[in-house]
């Protein structure tokens, strides 16, 4: 979670979030004196890039080691429930 916070903090210091939302098609009401159309500075920051990469690696690792196992466990539980329902409610 700390890396995600570092990414947010870095972006907040480099570029207007309003500009980023506008770029992806989500308008934030009101005007800002900090509004800018160029978000290139976000991509020119090595620390931010490193944090993005680290966050991506952590997310992938978590997905593979935790969520895939969780999915398997949930599927097994569903099979057990289905089996019990079929056995007890014929």
Protein backbone atom coordinates (compact mmCIF):
# COMPACT_ATOMS: atom_id res chain seq x y z
CA UNK A 1 0.00 0.00 0.00
CA UNK A 2 2.95 2.31 0.64
CA UNK A 3 4.03 2.12 -3.00
CA UNK A 4 0.53 3.04 -4.14
CA UNK A 5 0.64 6.04 -1.80
CA UNK A 6 4.08 7.00 -3.11
CA UNK A 7 2.76 6.89 -6.68
CA UNK A 8 -0.19 9.10 -5.77
CA UNK A 9 2.05 11.53 -3.91
CA UNK A 10 4.49 11.74 -6.82
CA UNK A 11 1.73 12.32 -9.35
CA UNK A 12 0.17 14.97 -7.11
CA UNK A 13 3.47 16.83 -7.01
CA UNK A 14 4.10 16.62 -10.77
CA UNK A 15 0.82 17.09 -12.63
CA UNK A 16 -2.75 18.20 -12.06
CA UNK A 17 -5.04 15.25 -11.33
CA UNK A 18 -7.78 17.25 -13.06
CA UNK A 19 -5.71 17.05 -16.24
CA UNK A 20 -5.32 13.30 -15.93
CA UNK A 21 -9.05 12.81 -15.40
CA UNK A 22 -9.77 15.07 -18.37
CA UNK A 23 -7.37 13.03 -20.51
CA UNK A 24 -9.28 9.82 -19.78
CA UNK A 25 -12.63 11.48 -20.42
CA UNK A 26 -13.80 12.15 -16.87
CA UNK A 27 -14.50 15.84 -16.33
CA UNK A 28 -14.12 17.23 -12.82
CA UNK A 29 -16.41 20.24 -12.30
CA UNK A 30 -14.87 23.65 -11.77
CA UNK A 31 -11.67 25.35 -12.84
CA UNK A 32 -8.15 25.11 -11.49
CA UNK A 33 -5.21 27.46 -11.85
CA UNK A 34 -3.02 24.36 -11.96
CA UNK A 35 -4.78 22.75 -14.89
CA UNK A 36 -2.41 21.71 -17.66
CA UNK A 37 -2.80 19.75 -20.84
CA UNK A 38 0.66 18.15 -20.84
CA UNK A 39 1.10 15.19 -18.53
CA UNK A 40 4.48 14.27 -20.03
CA UNK A 41 6.29 15.23 -16.78
CA UNK A 42 4.70 12.17 -15.16
CA UNK A 43 6.56 9.97 -17.62
CA UNK A 44 9.84 11.86 -17.24
CA UNK A 45 10.20 10.99 -13.56
CA UNK A 46 12.44 7.98 -12.83
CA UNK A 47 11.24 7.59 -9.24
CA UNK A 48 7.62 7.48 -10.36
CA UNK A 49 8.41 5.01 -13.14
CA UNK A 50 10.22 2.78 -10.66
CA UNK A 51 7.25 2.91 -8.30
CA UNK A 52 4.87 2.00 -11.15
CA UNK A 53 7.03 -0.99 -12.06
CA UNK A 54 7.36 -2.11 -8.45
CA UNK A 55 3.59 -1.78 -7.92
CA UNK A 56 2.94 -3.82 -11.07
CA UNK A 57 5.32 -6.58 -9.95
CA UNK A 58 3.76 -6.72 -6.48
CA UNK A 59 0.26 -6.79 -7.96
CA UNK A 60 1.13 -9.64 -10.34
CA UNK A 61 2.85 -11.63 -7.60
CA UNK A 62 -0.08 -11.16 -5.24
CA UNK A 63 -2.49 -12.19 -7.98
CA UNK A 64 -0.58 -15.36 -8.74
CA UNK A 65 0.18 -16.46 -5.21
CA UNK A 66 -2.98 -15.40 -3.41
CA UNK A 67 -5.90 -14.87 -5.75
CA UNK A 68 -5.36 -17.94 -7.92
CA UNK A 69 -5.28 -20.09 -4.77
CA UNK A 70 -8.35 -18.30 -3.46
CA UNK A 71 -10.15 -18.93 -6.76
CA UNK A 72 -9.31 -22.63 -6.57
CA UNK A 73 -10.57 -22.79 -2.98
CA UNK A 74 -13.82 -21.01 -3.89
CA UNK A 75 -14.40 -23.36 -6.83
CA UNK A 76 -13.86 -26.35 -4.53
CA UNK A 77 -16.31 -24.95 -1.97
CA UNK A 78 -18.87 -24.39 -4.73
CA UNK A 79 -18.46 -28.00 -5.87
CA UNK A 80 -18.94 -29.24 -2.31
CA UNK A 81 -22.05 -27.12 -1.88
CA UNK A 82 -23.47 -28.33 -5.20
CA UNK A 83 -22.76 -31.92 -4.21
CA UNK A 84 -24.45 -31.48 -0.82
CA UNK A 85 -27.46 -29.80 -2.42
CA UNK A 86 -27.82 -32.63 -4.95
CA UNK A 87 -27.48 -35.27 -2.23
CA UNK A 88 -29.82 -33.68 0.31
CA UNK A 89 -32.46 -32.10 -1.92
CA UNK A 90 -33.29 -34.74 -4.53
